[in-house]
PDB file of all heavy atoms in Angstrom:
ATOM      1  N   MET A   1      -8.847  -4.327   5.350  1.00  0.00           N
ATOM      2  CA  MET A   1      -8.501  -2.987   5.743  1.00  0.00           C
ATOM      3  C   MET A   1      -7.761  -3.027   7.107  1.00  0.00           C
ATOM      4  O   MET A   1      -6.693  -2.323   7.309  1.00  0.00           O
ATOM      5  CB  MET A   1      -9.556  -2.018   5.756  1.00  0.00           C
ATOM      6  CG  MET A   1     -10.218  -1.683   4.406  1.00  0.00           C
ATOM      7  SD  MET A   1     -11.873  -0.864   4.600  1.00  0.00           S
ATOM      8  CE  MET A   1     -11.323   0.615   5.294  1.00  0.00           C
ATOM      9  N   ALA A   2      -8.342  -3.704   8.067  1.00  0.00           N
ATOM     10  CA  ALA A   2      -7.786  -3.787   9.418  1.00  0.00           C
ATOM     11  C   ALA A   2      -6.380  -4.428   9.367  1.00  0.00           C
ATOM     12  O   ALA A   2      -5.498  -3.920  10.010  1.00  0.00           O
ATOM     13  CB  ALA A   2      -8.753  -4.504  10.288  1.00  0.00           C
ATOM     14  N   GLU A   3      -6.298  -5.534   8.699  1.00  0.00           N
ATOM     15  CA  GLU A   3      -5.002  -6.221   8.552  1.00  0.00           C
ATOM     16  C   GLU A   3      -3.942  -5.280   7.936  1.00  0.00           C
ATOM     17  O   GLU A   3      -2.818  -5.306   8.425  1.00  0.00           O
ATOM     18  CB  GLU A   3      -5.190  -7.480   7.769  1.00  0.00           C
ATOM     19  CG  GLU A   3      -5.858  -8.543   8.543  1.00  0.00           C
ATOM     20  CD  GLU A   3      -6.196  -9.849   7.711  1.00  0.00           C
ATOM     21  OE1 GLU A   3      -6.192  -9.707   6.506  1.00  0.00           O
ATOM     22  OE2 GLU A   3      -6.305 -10.864   8.285  1.00  0.00           O
ATOM     23  N   ASN A   4      -4.321  -4.549   6.898  1.00  0.00           N
ATOM     24  CA  ASN A   4      -3.399  -3.612   6.229  1.00  0.00           C
ATOM     25  C   ASN A   4      -2.975  -2.451   7.145  1.00  0.00           C
ATOM     26  O   ASN A   4      -1.853  -1.986   7.113  1.00  0.00           O
ATOM     27  CB  ASN A   4      -3.952  -3.094   4.963  1.00  0.00           C
ATOM     28  CG  ASN A   4      -3.010  -2.299   4.160  1.00  0.00           C
ATOM     29  OD1 ASN A   4      -1.894  -2.697   3.804  1.00  0.00           O
ATOM     30  ND2 ASN A   4      -3.335  -0.953   4.003  1.00  0.00           N
ATOM     31  N   ALA A   5      -3.857  -2.029   8.116  1.00  0.00           N
ATOM     32  CA  ALA A   5      -3.570  -0.926   9.008  1.00  0.00           C
ATOM     33  C   ALA A   5      -2.357  -1.330   9.880  1.00  0.00           C
ATOM     34  O   ALA A   5      -1.586  -0.586  10.263  1.00  0.00           O
ATOM     35  CB  ALA A   5      -4.766  -0.621   9.850  1.00  0.00           C
ATOM     36  N   ILE A   6      -2.349  -2.681  10.183  1.00  0.00           N
ATOM     37  CA  ILE A   6      -1.159  -3.154  11.018  1.00  0.00           C
ATOM     38  C   ILE A   6      -0.051  -3.392  10.152  1.00  0.00           C
ATOM     39  O   ILE A   6       1.119  -2.966  10.503  1.00  0.00           O
ATOM     40  CB  ILE A   6      -1.556  -4.421  11.848  1.00  0.00           C
ATOM     41  CG1 ILE A   6      -2.623  -4.087  12.894  1.00  0.00           C
ATOM     42  CG2 ILE A   6      -0.315  -5.076  12.267  1.00  0.00           C
ATOM     43  CD1 ILE A   6      -3.037  -5.401  13.668  1.00  0.00           C
ATOM     44  N   ALA A   7      -0.212  -4.025   9.063  1.00  0.00           N
ATOM     45  CA  ALA A   7       0.926  -4.365   8.129  1.00  0.00           C
ATOM     46  C   ALA A   7       1.670  -3.179   7.753  1.00  0.00           C
ATOM     47  O   ALA A   7       2.903  -3.174   7.567  1.00  0.00           O
ATOM     48  CB  ALA A   7       0.428  -5.216   6.994  1.00  0.00           C
ATOM     49  N   SER A   8       0.953  -2.081   7.409  1.00  0.00           N
ATOM     50  CA  SER A   8       1.618  -0.793   6.888  1.00  0.00           C
ATOM     51  C   SER A   8       2.202   0.001   7.979  1.00  0.00           C
ATOM     52  O   SER A   8       2.986   0.931   7.661  1.00  0.00           O
ATOM     53  CB  SER A   8       0.505   0.122   6.260  1.00  0.00           C
ATOM     54  OG  SER A   8      -0.406   0.584   7.187  1.00  0.00           O
ATOM     55  N   GLY A   9       1.981  -0.293   9.194  1.00  0.00           N
ATOM     56  CA  GLY A   9       2.536   0.464  10.382  1.00  0.00           C
ATOM     57  C   GLY A   9       1.672   1.748  10.714  1.00  0.00           C
ATOM     58  O   GLY A   9       2.076   2.431  11.677  1.00  0.00           O
ATOM     59  N   LYS A  10       0.622   1.908  10.002  1.00  0.00           N
ATOM     60  CA  LYS A  10      -0.141   3.182  10.282  1.00  0.00           C
ATOM     61  C   LYS A  10      -0.853   3.190  11.576  1.00  0.00           C
ATOM     62  O   LYS A  10      -0.863   4.198  12.225  1.00  0.00           O
ATOM     63  CB  LYS A  10      -1.235   3.350   9.062  1.00  0.00           C
ATOM     64  CG  LYS A  10      -1.882   4.711   9.107  1.00  0.00           C
ATOM     65  CD  LYS A  10      -2.771   4.903   7.948  1.00  0.00           C
ATOM     66  CE  LYS A  10      -3.500   6.302   8.001  1.00  0.00           C
ATOM     67  NZ  LYS A  10      -4.358   6.468   6.887  1.00  0.00           N
ATOM     68  N   ALA A  11      -1.465   2.017  11.905  1.00  0.00           N
ATOM     69  CA  ALA A  11      -2.107   1.970  13.209  1.00  0.00           C
ATOM     70  C   ALA A  11      -1.149   2.278  14.474  1.00  0.00           C
ATOM     71  O   ALA A  11      -1.546   2.951  15.377  1.00  0.00           O
ATOM     72  CB  ALA A  11      -2.753   0.522  13.434  1.00  0.00           C
ATOM     73  N   LEU A  12       0.012   1.691  14.340  1.00  0.00           N
ATOM     74  CA  LEU A  12       1.044   2.001  15.440  1.00  0.00           C
ATOM     75  C   LEU A  12       1.401   3.339  15.374  1.00  0.00           C
ATOM     76  O   LEU A  12       1.609   4.030  16.480  1.00  0.00           O
ATOM     77  CB  LEU A  12       2.288   1.048  15.135  1.00  0.00           C
ATOM     78  CG  LEU A  12       3.368   1.201  16.279  1.00  0.00           C
ATOM     79  CD1 LEU A  12       2.811   0.768  17.629  1.00  0.00           C
ATOM     80  CD2 LEU A  12       4.611   0.334  15.938  1.00  0.00           C
ATOM     81  N   SER A  13       1.532   4.029  14.213  1.00  0.00           N
ATOM     82  CA  SER A  13       1.959   5.465  14.220  1.00  0.00           C
ATOM     83  C   SER A  13       0.866   6.302  14.814  1.00  0.00           C
ATOM     84  O   SER A  13       1.161   7.296  15.486  1.00  0.00           O
ATOM     85  CB  SER A  13       2.124   5.879  12.745  1.00  0.00           C
ATOM     86  OG  SER A  13       3.270   5.224  12.140  1.00  0.00           O
ATOM     87  N   ILE A  14      -0.498   5.955  14.591  1.00  0.00           N
ATOM     88  CA  ILE A  14      -1.492   6.648  15.205  1.00  0.00           C
ATOM     89  C   ILE A  14      -1.524   6.444  16.776  1.00  0.00           C
ATOM     90  O   ILE A  14      -1.618   7.565  17.464  1.00  0.00           O
ATOM     91  CB  ILE A  14      -2.887   6.144  14.641  1.00  0.00           C
ATOM     92  CG1 ILE A  14      -3.087   6.714  13.237  1.00  0.00           C
ATOM     93  CG2 ILE A  14      -4.066   6.516  15.585  1.00  0.00           C
ATOM     94  CD1 ILE A  14      -4.287   6.202  12.508  1.00  0.00           C
ATOM     95  N   LEU A  15      -1.191   5.306  17.302  1.00  0.00           N
ATOM     96  CA  LEU A  15      -1.049   5.182  18.749  1.00  0.00           C
ATOM     97  C   LEU A  15       0.023   5.995  19.188  1.00  0.00           C
ATOM     98  O   LEU A  15      -0.029   6.758  20.292  1.00  0.00           O
ATOM     99  CB  LEU A  15      -0.834   3.788  19.166  1.00  0.00           C
ATOM    100  CG  LEU A  15      -0.662   3.466  20.541  1.00  0.00           C
ATOM    101  CD1 LEU A  15      -1.865   3.875  21.405  1.00  0.00           C
ATOM    102  CD2 LEU A  15      -0.208   2.036  20.800  1.00  0.00           C
ATOM    103  N   GLU A  16       1.070   6.097  18.520  1.00  0.00           N
ATOM    104  CA  GLU A  16       2.360   6.764  18.902  1.00  0.00           C
ATOM    105  C   GLU A  16       2.009   8.343  18.993  1.00  0.00           C
ATOM    106  O   GLU A  16       2.332   9.061  19.987  1.00  0.00           O
ATOM    107  CB  GLU A  16       3.464   6.538  17.964  1.00  0.00           C
ATOM    108  CG  GLU A  16       4.809   7.099  18.358  1.00  0.00           C
ATOM    109  CD  GLU A  16       5.869   6.638  17.398  1.00  0.00           C
ATOM    110  OE1 GLU A  16       5.612   6.086  16.316  1.00  0.00           O
ATOM    111  OE2 GLU A  16       7.090   6.919  17.714  1.00  0.00           O
ATOM    112  N   ARG A  17       1.378   8.743  17.959  1.00  0.00           N
ATOM    113  CA  ARG A  17       1.057  10.228  17.951  1.00  0.00           C
ATOM    114  C   ARG A  17       0.029  10.637  19.023  1.00  0.00           C
ATOM    115  O   ARG A  17       0.159  11.691  19.671  1.00  0.00           O
ATOM    116  CB  ARG A  17       0.590  10.625  16.576  1.00  0.00           C
ATOM    117  CG  ARG A  17       0.161  12.070  16.381  1.00  0.00           C
ATOM    118  CD  ARG A  17       1.297  13.084  16.671  1.00  0.00           C
ATOM    119  NE  ARG A  17       0.927  14.487  16.482  1.00  0.00           N
ATOM    120  CZ  ARG A  17       1.466  15.459  17.039  1.00  0.00           C
ATOM    121  NH1 ARG A  17       2.470  15.328  17.836  1.00  0.00           N
ATOM    122  NH2 ARG A  17       1.018  16.733  16.726  1.00  0.00           N
ATOM    123  N   THR A  18      -0.892   9.681  19.225  1.00  0.00           N
ATOM    124  CA  THR A  18      -1.962   9.996  20.240  1.00  0.00           C
ATOM    125  C   THR A  18      -1.357   9.975  21.687  1.00  0.00           C
ATOM    126  O   THR A  18      -1.610  10.965  22.351  1.00  0.00           O
ATOM    127  CB  THR A  18      -3.001   8.929  20.231  1.00  0.00           C
ATOM    128  OG1 THR A  18      -3.638   8.794  18.909  1.00  0.00           O
ATOM    129  CG2 THR A  18      -4.076   9.168  21.202  1.00  0.00           C
ATOM    130  N   ILE A  19      -0.410   9.088  21.960  1.00  0.00           N
ATOM    131  CA  ILE A  19       0.279   9.103  23.234  1.00  0.00           C
ATOM    132  C   ILE A  19       1.026  10.518  23.400  1.00  0.00           C
ATOM    133  O   ILE A  19       0.978  11.162  24.476  1.00  0.00           O
ATOM    134  CB  ILE A  19       1.254   7.950  23.337  1.00  0.00           C
ATOM    135  CG1 ILE A  19       0.393   6.712  23.391  1.00  0.00           C
ATOM    136  CG2 ILE A  19       2.194   8.095  24.567  1.00  0.00           C
ATOM    137  CD1 ILE A  19       1.335   5.469  23.383  1.00  0.00           C
ATOM    138  N   GLU A  20       1.667  10.907  22.279  1.00  0.00           N
ATOM    139  CA  GLU A  20       2.467  12.136  22.329  1.00  0.00           C
ATOM    140  C   GLU A  20       1.588  13.395  22.598  1.00  0.00           C
ATOM    141  O   GLU A  20       1.959  14.216  23.451  1.00  0.00           O
ATOM    142  CB  GLU A  20       3.188  12.380  20.990  1.00  0.00           C
ATOM    143  CG  GLU A  20       4.079  13.528  20.958  1.00  0.00           C
ATOM    144  CD  GLU A  20       4.726  13.738  19.534  1.00  0.00           C
ATOM    145  OE1 GLU A  20       4.486  12.839  18.660  1.00  0.00           O
ATOM    146  OE2 GLU A  20       5.424  14.701  19.299  1.00  0.00           O
ATOM    147  N   LEU A  21       0.419  13.415  22.009  1.00  0.00           N
ATOM    148  CA  LEU A  21      -0.497  14.489  22.270  1.00  0.00           C
ATOM    149  C   LEU A  21      -1.093  14.553  23.584  1.00  0.00           C
ATOM    150  O   LEU A  21      -1.569  15.536  24.147  1.00  0.00           O
ATOM    151  CB  LEU A  21      -1.564  14.470  21.064  1.00  0.00           C
ATOM    152  CG  LEU A  21      -1.099  14.831  19.640  1.00  0.00           C
ATOM    153  CD1 LEU A  21      -2.266  14.614  18.737  1.00  0.00           C
ATOM    154  CD2 LEU A  21      -0.662  16.262  19.562  1.00  0.00           C
ATOM    155  N   HIS A  22      -1.044  13.440  24.263  1.00  0.00           N
ATOM    156  CA  HIS A  22      -1.579  13.249  25.622  1.00  0.00           C
ATOM    157  C   HIS A  22      -0.453  13.549  26.638  1.00  0.00           C
ATOM    158  O   HIS A  22      -0.678  13.435  27.905  1.00  0.00           O
ATOM    159  CB  HIS A  22      -2.170  11.862  25.915  1.00  0.00           C
ATOM    160  CG  HIS A  22      -3.571  11.715  25.421  1.00  0.00           C
ATOM    161  ND1 HIS A  22      -4.697  11.752  26.412  1.00  0.00           N
ATOM    162  CD2 HIS A  22      -4.171  11.432  24.171  1.00  0.00           C
ATOM    163  CE1 HIS A  22      -5.776  11.653  25.651  1.00  0.00           C
ATOM    164  NE2 HIS A  22      -5.492  11.380  24.486  1.00  0.00           N
ATOM    165  N   GLY A  23       0.736  13.893  26.075  1.00  0.00           N
ATOM    166  CA  GLY A  23       1.834  14.182  27.007  1.00  0.00           C
ATOM    167  C   GLY A  23       2.642  12.919  27.464  1.00  0.00           C
ATOM    168  O   GLY A  23       3.487  13.097  28.318  1.00  0.00           O
ATOM    169  N   GLY A  24       2.437  11.757  26.799  1.00  0.00           N
ATOM    170  CA  GLY A  24       3.054  10.576  27.325  1.00  0.00           C
ATOM    171  C   GLY A  24       4.267  10.329  26.481  1.00  0.00           C
ATOM    172  O   GLY A  24       4.536  10.976  25.432  1.00  0.00           O
ATOM    173  N   ASP A  25       5.090   9.375  26.976  1.00  0.00           N
ATOM    174  CA  ASP A  25       6.347   8.959  26.385  1.00  0.00           C
ATOM    175  C   ASP A  25       6.052   8.094  25.149  1.00  0.00           C
ATOM    176  O   ASP A  25       5.917   6.889  25.327  1.00  0.00           O
ATOM    177  CB  ASP A  25       7.256   8.281  27.401  1.00  0.00           C
ATOM    178  CG  ASP A  25       8.645   7.991  26.816  1.00  0.00           C
ATOM    179  OD1 ASP A  25       8.865   8.171  25.615  1.00  0.00           O
ATOM    180  OD2 ASP A  25       9.523   7.528  27.640  1.00  0.00           O
ATOM    181  N   SER A  26       5.982   8.607  23.967  1.00  0.00           N
ATOM    182  CA  SER A  26       5.517   7.852  22.803  1.00  0.00           C
ATOM    183  C   SER A  26       6.625   6.837  22.344  1.00  0.00           C
ATOM    184  O   SER A  26       6.445   6.034  21.528  1.00  0.00           O
ATOM    185  CB  SER A  26       5.181   8.835  21.630  1.00  0.00           C
ATOM    186  OG  SER A  26       6.303   9.644  21.294  1.00  0.00           O
TER     187      SER A  26
END
């Protein structure tokens, strides 16, 4: 499951959205 979270791009998308919600440059 962890490997697929990276391979699918989902984990990176979650980091990107989290940065955005914190006001950061996603």
